[in-house]
Amino acid sequence: MNKFQGLKARRAAAAIVTASVLAAGLLSATASMAGSDEFDRKMSSVIGQIKADPSYRKIPLDTSADRQWFYDQSAALFEKKITKAQYVDEGSKKFPGYEASFDKLADLFKAS
């Protein structure tokens, strides 16, 4: 496995773990989610904040494809490759009825 494939595999595994944590409601801080310390810290912060929010509705990330999609979208938002509106819109299309959850996540990912 070359360096690129190893990073891609690590990111895919991190996406599955992250999404599983969010979807299952376990919501404990996890280490090394995205391969960047900055994103790891942000993800841990987001997890902690939604854990403390009883109104947060967990997004049903039941398949590995859903989890990978969620991870990719969240990373893109964090890296400012997409806007909050795009994140919420795409999330609402894929998971109808979860607009408020995506809106909350977007605000948390974008908060300093």
Protein backbone atom coordinates (compact mmCIF):
# COMPACT_ATOMS: atom_id res chain seq x y z
CA MET A 1 0.00 0.00 0.00
CA ASN A 2 1.46 3.37 -0.94
CA LYS A 3 1.32 6.47 1.26
CA PHE A 4 -1.74 7.87 -0.56
CA GLN A 5 -3.70 4.62 -0.23
CA GLY A 6 -2.77 4.40 3.45
CA LEU A 7 -4.04 7.92 4.09
CA LYS A 8 -7.21 7.22 2.15
CA ALA A 9 -7.81 4.02 4.15
CA ARG A 10 -7.17 5.85 7.41
CA ARG A 11 -9.62 8.60 6.46
CA ALA A 12 -12.27 6.04 5.46
CA ALA A 13 -11.84 4.22 8.76
CA ALA A 14 -12.01 7.51 10.64
CA ALA A 15 -15.22 8.41 8.81
CA ILE A 16 -16.84 5.16 9.82
CA VAL A 17 -15.84 5.60 13.44
CA THR A 18 -16.93 9.24 13.53
CA ALA A 19 -20.28 8.60 11.92
CA SER A 20 -20.90 5.56 14.09
CA VAL A 21 -20.21 7.60 17.19
CA LEU A 22 -22.62 10.31 16.06
CA ALA A 23 -25.30 7.90 14.87
CA ALA A 24 -25.15 5.51 17.81
CA GLY A 25 -25.31 8.26 20.36
CA LEU A 26 -22.16 7.08 22.10
CA LEU A 27 -20.62 10.47 21.47
CA SER A 28 -17.38 10.18 23.34
CA ALA A 29 -14.28 11.95 22.14
CA THR A 30 -12.26 9.85 19.73
CA ALA A 31 -8.66 10.14 18.72
CA SER A 32 -7.26 10.70 15.26
CA MET A 33 -10.47 11.01 13.28
CA ALA A 34 -9.37 12.81 10.16
CA GLY A 35 -5.63 12.77 10.12
CA SER A 36 -5.28 16.43 11.09
CA ASP A 37 -4.93 17.63 14.65
CA GLU A 38 -7.09 20.66 13.94
CA PHE A 39 -9.95 18.58 12.56
CA ASP A 40 -9.55 16.05 15.39
CA ARG A 41 -9.95 18.81 17.96
CA LYS A 42 -12.96 20.26 16.15
CA MET A 43 -14.63 16.85 15.81
CA SER A 44 -14.11 16.15 19.52
CA SER A 45 -15.61 19.54 20.34
CA VAL A 46 -18.62 18.96 18.06
CA ILE A 47 -19.22 15.50 19.57
CA GLY A 48 -19.09 16.92 23.08
CA GLN A 49 -21.51 19.70 22.22
CA ILE A 50 -24.12 17.50 20.55
CA LYS A 51 -23.81 15.00 23.39
CA ALA A 52 -24.86 17.78 25.75
CA ASP A 53 -27.77 18.88 23.52
CA PRO A 54 -30.90 16.81 24.23
CA SER A 55 -32.66 18.40 21.25
CA TYR A 56 -30.09 17.11 18.74
CA ARG A 57 -31.64 14.45 16.49
CA LYS A 58 -29.11 11.77 15.52
CA ILE A 59 -28.65 11.32 11.78
CA PRO A 60 -29.20 7.66 10.77
CA LEU A 61 -25.85 6.80 9.19
CA ASP A 62 -26.63 3.11 8.76
CA THR A 63 -24.41 2.14 5.84
CA SER A 64 -20.72 2.56 5.22
CA ALA A 65 -21.61 4.65 2.16
CA ASP A 66 -23.71 6.98 4.34
CA ARG A 67 -20.91 7.27 6.88
CA GLN A 68 -18.33 8.00 4.17
CA TRP A 69 -20.63 10.59 2.61
CA PHE A 70 -21.15 12.25 6.01
CA TYR A 71 -17.44 12.32 6.72
CA ASP A 72 -16.61 13.76 3.30
CA GLN A 73 -19.24 16.48 3.62
CA SER A 74 -18.17 17.39 7.16
CA ALA A 75 -14.52 17.54 6.16
CA ALA A 76 -15.39 19.69 3.13
CA LEU A 77 -17.32 22.10 5.34
CA PHE A 78 -14.53 22.25 7.90
CA GLU A 79 -11.96 22.87 5.15
CA LYS A 80 -14.22 25.60 3.65
CA LYS A 81 -14.62 23.74 0.38
CA ILE A 82 -18.41 24.03 0.70
CA THR A 83 -20.68 26.52 2.44
CA LYS A 84 -22.99 25.95 5.36
CA ALA A 85 -25.95 26.28 2.99
CA GLN A 86 -24.51 23.58 0.71
CA TYR A 87 -23.83 21.28 3.68
CA VAL A 88 -27.35 21.66 5.07
CA ASP A 89 -28.96 21.38 1.62
CA GLU A 90 -27.06 18.24 0.65
CA GLY A 91 -27.67 16.71 4.08
CA SER A 92 -31.39 17.45 3.90
CA LYS A 93 -31.62 15.87 0.45
CA LYS A 94 -29.87 12.70 1.57
CA PHE A 95 -31.61 12.55 4.97
CA PRO A 96 -35.02 14.25 4.71
CA GLY A 97 -36.27 15.51 8.04
CA TYR A 98 -32.79 16.07 9.48
CA GLU A 99 -32.24 19.65 8.33
CA ALA A 100 -32.02 20.91 11.92
CA SER A 101 -29.35 18.32 12.72
CA PHE A 102 -27.24 19.36 9.74
CA ASP A 103 -27.78 23.02 10.57
CA LYS A 104 -26.59 22.43 14.14
CA LEU A 105 -23.55 20.45 12.98
CA ALA A 106 -22.68 23.11 10.42
CA ASP A 107 -22.78 25.84 13.04
CA LEU A 108 -20.56 23.78 15.34
CA PHE A 109 -18.06 22.90 12.61
CA LYS A 110 -17.81 26.53 11.53
CA ALA A 111 -17.56 27.98 15.07
CA SER A 112 -14.08 29.10 16.07
